[in-house]
């Protein structure tokens, strides 16, 4: 599903990852992180796709302080460490300011 975001400007965090083999609790942790993100002040939405081990998740935020608060959230921090140790062989995180956004809907 495409996230509904407000008029720009806002922020996007792009998380690109390569998974290791097997679930090893990943699906449960990912569902919990989505639930927890929805509770965070400044969270606007998320879009995610995975194919052949490559995943791209884009989360949208009102501000950089909201992104930093999410990064520092205790449960999220713990799951990130588990990701490094267990679920990911590589990942990149990019933080962007969305200056303009365009939509089309049929």
Protein backbone atom coordinates (compact mmCIF):
# COMPACT_ATOMS: atom_id res chain seq x y z
CA UNK A 1 0.00 0.00 0.00
CA UNK A 2 1.20 3.53 -0.74
CA UNK A 3 1.56 5.67 2.38
CA UNK A 4 -0.59 8.77 2.63
CA UNK A 5 1.74 11.65 3.38
CA UNK A 6 1.06 15.34 3.95
CA UNK A 7 2.15 18.14 1.68
CA UNK A 8 5.93 18.49 1.51
CA UNK A 9 8.23 19.09 3.21
CA UNK A 10 8.60 15.99 5.36
CA UNK A 11 11.28 13.34 5.73
CA UNK A 12 11.87 9.84 4.41
CA UNK A 13 14.12 7.14 5.84
CA UNK A 14 15.06 4.60 3.19
CA UNK A 15 16.23 1.26 4.57
CA UNK A 16 17.65 -1.10 1.92
CA UNK A 17 18.66 -4.54 3.15
CA UNK A 18 19.87 -7.96 2.16
CA UNK A 19 18.47 -10.76 4.34
CA UNK A 20 20.16 -13.86 5.63
CA UNK A 21 18.53 -17.27 5.12
CA UNK A 22 15.51 -18.28 7.22
CA UNK A 23 13.08 -16.29 9.33
CA UNK A 24 14.69 -16.68 12.78
CA UNK A 25 11.99 -14.48 14.34
CA UNK A 26 12.23 -11.75 11.71
CA UNK A 27 8.54 -11.63 10.73
CA UNK A 28 7.40 -11.25 14.32
CA UNK A 29 9.96 -8.53 15.04
CA UNK A 30 9.10 -6.66 11.82
CA UNK A 31 5.40 -6.69 12.69
CA UNK A 32 6.19 -5.38 16.18
CA UNK A 33 8.37 -2.58 14.77
CA UNK A 34 5.57 -1.50 12.44
CA UNK A 35 3.15 -1.46 15.35
CA UNK A 36 5.61 0.51 17.48
CA UNK A 37 6.40 2.99 14.68
CA UNK A 38 2.70 3.83 14.38
CA UNK A 39 2.78 4.87 18.05
CA UNK A 40 5.71 7.27 17.58
CA UNK A 41 5.07 11.02 17.46
CA UNK A 42 5.82 12.33 13.98
CA UNK A 43 5.39 9.00 12.17
CA UNK A 44 3.52 9.49 8.87
CA UNK A 45 3.53 6.08 7.22
CA UNK A 46 5.59 3.33 5.64
CA UNK A 47 6.01 1.46 2.36
CA UNK A 48 7.92 -1.80 2.07
CA UNK A 49 8.79 -4.40 -0.56
CA UNK A 50 11.03 -7.46 -0.62
CA UNK A 51 12.11 -9.66 -3.51
CA UNK A 52 14.92 -12.22 -3.80
CA UNK A 53 16.40 -11.22 -0.44
CA UNK A 54 16.53 -7.47 -1.21
CA UNK A 55 14.19 -5.36 0.89
CA UNK A 56 13.42 -1.68 0.66
CA UNK A 57 11.41 0.02 3.38
CA UNK A 58 10.66 3.72 3.30
CA UNK A 59 9.28 5.29 6.45
CA UNK A 60 7.96 8.85 6.46
CA UNK A 61 8.35 11.33 9.30
CA UNK A 62 7.32 14.88 10.12
CA UNK A 63 10.79 15.98 11.21
CA UNK A 64 14.39 15.01 11.85
CA UNK A 65 13.81 15.07 15.64
CA UNK A 66 11.01 12.49 15.15
CA UNK A 67 13.43 10.27 13.20
CA UNK A 68 16.07 10.60 15.92
CA UNK A 69 13.52 9.74 18.62
CA UNK A 70 12.59 6.59 16.67
CA UNK A 71 16.26 5.66 16.30
CA UNK A 72 16.73 6.04 20.06
CA UNK A 73 13.55 4.17 21.05
CA UNK A 74 14.72 1.31 23.30
CA UNK A 75 12.83 -1.60 21.72
CA UNK A 76 13.70 -0.43 18.20
CA UNK A 77 17.37 -0.11 19.17
CA UNK A 78 17.36 -3.69 20.52
CA UNK A 79 15.75 -5.07 17.35
CA UNK A 80 18.27 -3.19 15.19
CA UNK A 81 21.09 -4.96 17.04
CA UNK A 82 19.39 -8.31 16.46
CA UNK A 83 19.13 -7.40 12.78
CA UNK A 84 22.87 -6.83 12.55
CA UNK A 85 23.59 -10.09 14.36
CA UNK A 86 20.96 -12.35 12.77
CA UNK A 87 18.75 -11.10 9.95
CA UNK A 88 20.84 -8.93 7.63
CA UNK A 89 23.97 -9.62 5.64
CA UNK A 90 24.07 -5.93 4.61
CA UNK A 91 21.97 -2.78 4.84
CA UNK A 92 22.02 0.92 4.02
CA UNK A 93 19.98 3.63 5.72
CA UNK A 94 19.42 6.95 4.00
CA UNK A 95 17.62 9.97 5.44
CA UNK A 96 16.10 12.41 2.96
CA UNK A 97 14.06 15.58 3.07
CA UNK A 98 11.13 15.38 0.68
CA UNK A 99 10.91 18.79 -0.98
CA UNK A 100 8.20 17.94 -3.52
CA UNK A 101 5.82 15.05 -4.00
CA UNK A 102 3.44 14.21 -6.83
CA UNK A 103 0.57 11.76 -6.90
CA UNK A 104 -1.57 9.92 -9.39
CA UNK A 105 -4.56 7.81 -8.59
CA UNK A 106 -6.94 6.24 -11.06
